[in-house]
PDB file of N, CA and C in Angstrom:
ATOM      1  N   MET A   1      -4.111  39.119  72.093  1.00  0.00           N
ATOM      2  CA  MET A   1      -5.447  39.358  71.572  1.00  0.00           C
ATOM      3  C   MET A   1      -5.930  40.688  72.147  1.00  0.00           C
ATOM      4  N   GLU A   2      -6.486  41.497  71.342  1.00  0.00           N
ATOM      5  CA  GLU A   2      -6.974  42.807  71.761  1.00  0.00           C
ATOM      6  C   GLU A   2      -8.399  42.692  72.271  1.00  0.00           C
ATOM      7  N   LEU A   3      -8.772  43.669  73.066  1.00  0.00           N
ATOM      8  CA  LEU A   3     -10.147  43.701  73.543  1.00  0.00           C
ATOM      9  C   LEU A   3     -11.107  43.880  72.377  1.00  0.00           C
ATOM     10  N   GLY A   4     -12.196  43.153  72.411  1.00  0.00           N
ATOM     11  CA  GLY A   4     -13.211  43.283  71.370  1.00  0.00           C
ATOM     12  C   GLY A   4     -12.892  42.531  70.096  1.00  0.00           C
ATOM     13  N   SER A   5     -11.759  41.865  70.005  1.00  0.00           N
ATOM     14  CA  SER A   5     -11.449  41.127  68.787  1.00  0.00           C
ATOM     15  C   SER A   5     -12.052  39.728  68.863  1.00  0.00           C
ATOM     16  N   GLN A   6     -12.317  39.169  67.725  1.00  0.00           N
ATOM     17  CA  GLN A   6     -12.899  37.838  67.621  1.00  0.00           C
ATOM     18  C   GLN A   6     -11.811  36.785  67.836  1.00  0.00           C
ATOM     19  N   PRO A   7     -12.120  35.673  68.506  1.00  0.00           N
ATOM     20  CA  PRO A   7     -11.131  34.602  68.609  1.00  0.00           C
ATOM     21  C   PRO A   7     -10.923  33.955  67.249  1.00  0.00           C
ATOM     22  N   ASP A   8      -9.801  33.250  67.098  1.00  0.00           N
ATOM     23  CA  ASP A   8      -9.478  32.606  65.816  1.00  0.00           C
ATOM     24  C   ASP A   8     -10.462  31.503  65.455  1.00  0.00           C
ATOM     25  N   ASN A   9     -10.962  30.774  66.462  1.00  0.00           N
ATOM     26  CA  ASN A   9     -11.893  29.675  66.209  1.00  0.00           C
ATOM     27  C   ASN A   9     -13.312  30.231  66.092  1.00  0.00           C
ATOM     28  N   PRO A  10     -14.047  29.791  65.078  1.00  0.00           N
ATOM     29  CA  PRO A  10     -15.452  30.231  64.998  1.00  0.00           C
ATOM     30  C   PRO A  10     -16.258  29.632  66.151  1.00  0.00           C
ATOM     31  N   ALA A  11     -17.379  30.260  66.446  1.00  0.00           N
ATOM     32  CA  ALA A  11     -18.225  29.771  67.540  1.00  0.00           C
ATOM     33  C   ALA A  11     -18.729  28.374  67.192  1.00  0.00           C
ATOM     34  N   ARG A  12     -18.485  27.450  68.109  1.00  0.00           N
ATOM     35  CA  ARG A  12     -18.939  26.077  67.886  1.00  0.00           C
ATOM     36  C   ARG A  12     -20.226  25.839  68.639  1.00  0.00           C
ATOM     37  N   ARG A  13     -20.957  24.881  68.151  1.00  0.00           N
ATOM     38  CA  ARG A  13     -22.185  24.494  68.844  1.00  0.00           C
ATOM     39  C   ARG A  13     -21.840  23.676  70.068  1.00  0.00           C
ATOM     40  N   SER A  14     -22.777  23.608  70.958  1.00  0.00           N
ATOM     41  CA  SER A  14     -22.577  22.865  72.194  1.00  0.00           C
ATOM     42  C   SER A  14     -22.266  21.399  71.887  1.00  0.00           C
ATOM     43  N   PRO A  15     -21.331  20.796  72.608  1.00  0.00           N
ATOM     44  CA  PRO A  15     -21.042  19.376  72.355  1.00  0.00           C
ATOM     45  C   PRO A  15     -22.199  18.468  72.766  1.00  0.00           C
ATOM     46  N   HIS A  16     -23.148  19.018  73.483  1.00  0.00           N
ATOM     47  CA  HIS A  16     -24.289  18.231  73.937  1.00  0.00           C
ATOM     48  C   HIS A  16     -25.528  18.478  73.075  1.00  0.00           C
ATOM     49  N   GLN A  17     -25.316  18.860  71.841  1.00  0.00           N
ATOM     50  CA  GLN A  17     -26.449  19.163  70.965  1.00  0.00           C
ATOM     51  C   GLN A  17     -27.314  17.929  70.723  1.00  0.00           C
ATOM     52  N   LEU A  18     -26.711  16.777  70.567  1.00  0.00           N
ATOM     53  CA  LEU A  18     -27.479  15.545  70.364  1.00  0.00           C
ATOM     54  C   LEU A  18     -28.338  15.255  71.590  1.00  0.00           C
ATOM     55  N   ALA A  19     -27.788  15.479  72.777  1.00  0.00           N
ATOM     56  CA  ALA A  19     -28.549  15.259  74.007  1.00  0.00           C
ATOM     57  C   ALA A  19     -29.715  16.240  74.096  1.00  0.00           C
ATOM     58  N   ASP A  20     -29.513  17.472  73.659  1.00  0.00           N
ATOM     59  CA  ASP A  20     -30.597  18.463  73.668  1.00  0.00           C
ATOM     60  C   ASP A  20     -31.719  18.051  72.717  1.00  0.00           C
ATOM     61  N   ILE A  21     -31.350  17.585  71.538  1.00  0.00           N
ATOM     62  CA  ILE A  21     -32.359  17.157  70.560  1.00  0.00           C
ATOM     63  C   ILE A  21     -33.099  15.935  71.076  1.00  0.00           C
ATOM     64  N   LEU A  22     -32.368  14.967  71.617  1.00  0.00           N
ATOM     65  CA  LEU A  22     -32.991  13.760  72.145  1.00  0.00           C
ATOM     66  C   LEU A  22     -33.925  14.097  73.311  1.00  0.00           C
ATOM     67  N   GLY A  23     -33.503  14.997  74.172  1.00  0.00           N
ATOM     68  CA  GLY A  23     -34.350  15.420  75.282  1.00  0.00           C
ATOM     69  C   GLY A  23     -35.620  16.092  74.808  1.00  0.00           C
ATOM     70  N   THR A  24     -35.507  16.896  73.759  1.00  0.00           N
ATOM     71  CA  THR A  24     -36.688  17.551  73.198  1.00  0.00           C
ATOM     72  C   THR A  24     -37.651  16.526  72.605  1.00  0.00           C
ATOM     73  N   VAL A  25     -37.120  15.552  71.894  1.00  0.00           N
ATOM     74  CA  VAL A  25     -37.962  14.497  71.306  1.00  0.00           C
ATOM     75  C   VAL A  25     -38.674  13.720  72.403  1.00  0.00           C
ATOM     76  N   ILE A  26     -37.962  13.370  73.460  1.00  0.00           N
ATOM     77  CA  ILE A  26     -38.576  12.631  74.565  1.00  0.00           C
ATOM     78  C   ILE A  26     -39.658  13.475  75.238  1.00  0.00           C
ATOM     79  N   ALA A  27     -39.398  14.762  75.417  1.00  0.00           N
ATOM     80  CA  ALA A  27     -40.392  15.639  76.040  1.00  0.00           C
ATOM     81  C   ALA A  27     -41.649  15.760  75.185  1.00  0.00           C
ATOM     82  N   VAL A  28     -41.475  15.903  73.884  1.00  0.00           N
ATOM     83  CA  VAL A  28     -42.637  16.023  72.987  1.00  0.00           C
ATOM     84  C   VAL A  28     -43.436  14.724  72.989  1.00  0.00           C
ATOM     85  N   LEU A  29     -42.757  13.584  72.937  1.00  0.00           N
ATOM     86  CA  LEU A  29     -43.463  12.300  72.982  1.00  0.00           C
ATOM     87  C   LEU A  29     -44.196  12.110  74.309  1.00  0.00           C
ATOM     88  N   THR A  30     -43.559  12.521  75.398  1.00  0.00           N
ATOM     89  CA  THR A  30     -44.186  12.383  76.710  1.00  0.00           C
ATOM     90  C   THR A  30     -45.458  13.208  76.801  1.00  0.00           C
ATOM     91  N   LEU A  31     -45.472  14.357  76.157  1.00  0.00           N
ATOM     92  CA  LEU A  31     -46.646  15.228  76.221  1.00  0.00           C
ATOM     93  C   LEU A  31     -47.732  14.834  75.227  1.00  0.00           C
ATOM     94  N   THR A  32     -47.361  14.282  74.079  1.00  0.00           N
ATOM     95  CA  THR A  32     -48.359  14.018  73.043  1.00  0.00           C
ATOM     96  C   THR A  32     -48.828  12.568  72.984  1.00  0.00           C
ATOM     97  N   LEU A  33     -47.976  11.615  73.331  1.00  0.00           N
ATOM     98  CA  LEU A  33     -48.332  10.205  73.205  1.00  0.00           C
ATOM     99  C   LEU A  33     -49.572   9.817  74.008  1.00  0.00           C
ATOM    100  N   PRO A  34     -49.749  10.286  75.234  1.00  0.00           N
ATOM    101  CA  PRO A  34     -50.977   9.928  75.952  1.00  0.00           C
ATOM    102  C   PRO A  34     -52.252  10.378  75.226  1.00  0.00           C
ATOM    103  N   PHE A  35     -52.223  11.563  74.623  1.00  0.00           N
ATOM    104  CA  PHE A  35     -53.406  12.039  73.901  1.00  0.00           C
ATOM    105  C   PHE A  35     -53.715  11.164  72.699  1.00  0.00           C
ATOM    106  N   PHE A  36     -52.685  10.785  71.934  1.00  0.00           N
ATOM    107  CA  PHE A  36     -52.910   9.922  70.778  1.00  0.00           C
ATOM    108  C   PHE A  36     -53.373   8.529  71.206  1.00  0.00           C
ATOM    109  N   THR A  37     -52.824   8.023  72.297  1.00  0.00           N
ATOM    110  CA  THR A  37     -53.225   6.703  72.793  1.00  0.00           C
ATOM    111  C   THR A  37     -54.673   6.714  73.250  1.00  0.00           C
ATOM    112  N   ILE A  38     -55.051   7.722  74.003  1.00  0.00           N
ATOM    113  CA  ILE A  38     -56.437   7.820  74.468  1.00  0.00           C
ATOM    114  C   ILE A  38     -57.379   7.993  73.290  1.00  0.00           C
ATOM    115  N   ALA A  39     -57.018   8.825  72.334  1.00  0.00           N
ATOM    116  CA  ALA A  39     -57.870   9.033  71.158  1.00  0.00           C
ATOM    117  C   ALA A  39     -58.009   7.752  70.348  1.00  0.00           C
ATOM    118  N   HIS A  40     -56.945   7.002  70.224  1.00  0.00           N
ATOM    119  CA  HIS A  40     -56.993   5.761  69.450  1.00  0.00           C
ATOM    120  C   HIS A  40     -57.901   4.731  70.118  1.00  0.00           C
ATOM    121  N   TYR A  41     -57.711   4.503  71.399  1.00  0.00           N
ATOM    122  CA  TYR A  41     -58.479   3.461  72.071  1.00  0.00           C
ATOM    123  C   TYR A  41     -59.903   3.885  72.388  1.00  0.00           C
ATOM    124  N   SER A  42     -60.172   5.164  72.459  1.00  0.00           N
ATOM    125  CA  SER A  42     -61.546   5.580  72.710  1.00  0.00           C
ATOM    126  C   SER A  42     -62.383   5.524  71.432  1.00  0.00           C
ATOM    127  N   SER A  43     -61.730   5.454  70.265  1.00  0.00           N
ATOM    128  CA  SER A  43     -62.480   5.390  69.020  1.00  0.00           C
ATOM    129  C   SER A  43     -62.764   3.958  68.580  1.00  0.00           C
ATOM    130  N   ILE A  44     -62.181   2.966  69.228  1.00  0.00           N
ATOM    131  CA  ILE A  44     -62.418   1.560  68.891  1.00  0.00           C
ATOM    132  C   ILE A  44     -63.711   1.119  69.573  1.00  0.00           C
ATOM    133  N   PRO A  45     -64.696   0.644  68.786  1.00  0.00           N
ATOM    134  CA  PRO A  45     -65.940   0.193  69.423  1.00  0.00           C
ATOM    135  C   PRO A  45     -65.707  -1.081  70.230  1.00  0.00           C
ATOM    136  N   LEU A  46     -66.309  -1.139  71.377  1.00  0.00           N
ATOM    137  CA  LEU A  46     -66.172  -2.314  72.231  1.00  0.00           C
ATOM    138  C   LEU A  46     -67.196  -3.363  71.847  1.00  0.00           C
ATOM    139  N   SER A  47     -66.811  -4.635  71.901  1.00  0.00           N
ATOM    140  CA  SER A  47     -67.772  -5.694  71.616  1.00  0.00           C
ATOM    141  C   SER A  47     -68.663  -5.858  72.844  1.00  0.00           C
ATOM    142  N   PRO A  48     -69.907  -6.230  72.624  1.00  0.00           N
ATOM    143  CA  PRO A  48     -70.813  -6.389  73.768  1.00  0.00           C
ATOM    144  C   PRO A  48     -70.349  -7.513  74.693  1.00  0.00           C
ATOM    145  N   ILE A  49     -70.468  -7.276  75.959  1.00  0.00           N
ATOM    146  CA  ILE A  49     -70.077  -8.271  76.957  1.00  0.00           C
ATOM    147  C   ILE A  49     -71.261  -9.202  77.185  1.00  0.00           C
ATOM    148  N   PRO A  50     -71.051 -10.511  77.045  1.00  0.00           N
ATOM    149  CA  PRO A  50     -72.176 -11.426  77.288  1.00  0.00           C
ATOM    150  C   PRO A  50     -72.611 -11.336  78.752  1.00  0.00           C
ATOM    151  N   SER A  51     -73.924 -11.418  78.956  1.00  0.00           N
ATOM    152  CA  SER A  51     -74.442 -11.258  80.313  1.00  0.00           C
ATOM    153  C   SER A  51     -74.149 -12.470  81.185  1.00  0.00           C
ATOM    154  N   GLN A  52     -74.021 -13.634  80.573  1.00  0.00           N
ATOM    155  CA  GLN A  52     -73.768 -14.839  81.335  1.00  0.00           C
ATOM    156  C   GLN A  52     -72.836 -15.744  80.549  1.00  0.00           C
ATOM    157  N   ALA A  53     -71.832 -16.312  81.220  1.00  0.00           N
ATOM    158  CA  ALA A  53     -70.901 -17.202  80.561  1.00  0.00           C
ATOM    159  C   ALA A  53     -71.586 -18.551  80.329  1.00  0.00           C
ATOM    160  N   PRO A  54     -71.363 -19.167  79.168  1.00  0.00           N
ATOM    161  CA  PRO A  54     -71.994 -20.477  78.920  1.00  0.00           C
ATOM    162  C   PRO A  54     -71.374 -21.542  79.844  1.00  0.00           C
ATOM    163  N   SER A  55     -72.209 -22.490  80.230  1.00  0.00           N
ATOM    164  CA  SER A  55     -71.711 -23.555  81.096  1.00  0.00           C
ATOM    165  C   SER A  55     -70.819 -24.482  80.269  1.00  0.00           C
ATOM    166  N   GLN A  56     -69.797 -25.039  80.933  1.00  0.00           N
ATOM    167  CA  GLN A  56     -68.835 -25.865  80.194  1.00  0.00           C
ATOM    168  C   GLN A  56     -69.431 -27.239  79.880  1.00  0.00           C
ATOM    169  N   THR A  57     -69.789 -27.979  80.881  1.00  0.00           N
ATOM    170  CA  THR A  57     -70.400 -29.286  80.651  1.00  0.00           C
ATOM    171  C   THR A  57     -71.495 -29.502  81.687  1.00  0.00           C
ATOM    172  N   GLU A  58     -72.541 -30.141  81.258  1.00  0.00           N
ATOM    173  CA  GLU A  58     -73.627 -30.461  82.193  1.00  0.00           C
ATOM    174  C   GLU A  58     -73.511 -31.923  82.572  1.00  0.00           C
ATOM    175  N   ARG A  59     -73.672 -32.198  83.867  1.00  0.00           N
ATOM    176  CA  ARG A  59     -73.579 -33.583  84.332  1.00  0.00           C
ATOM    177  C   ARG A  59     -74.889 -34.080  84.809  1.00  0.00           C
TER     178      ARG A  59
END
């Protein structure tokens, strides 16, 4: 093989490409999921809390 010549095999992608994509997906979910969760639960109106629990039975 001469200097500066191309190898016979074309350039292949990294064998860990699936791991790179999966890592990117996990990173994006880790960064965005808390914001969506907080936004979802902060928009749900809370029911009023009763000031006193009713008594079960009177004797």
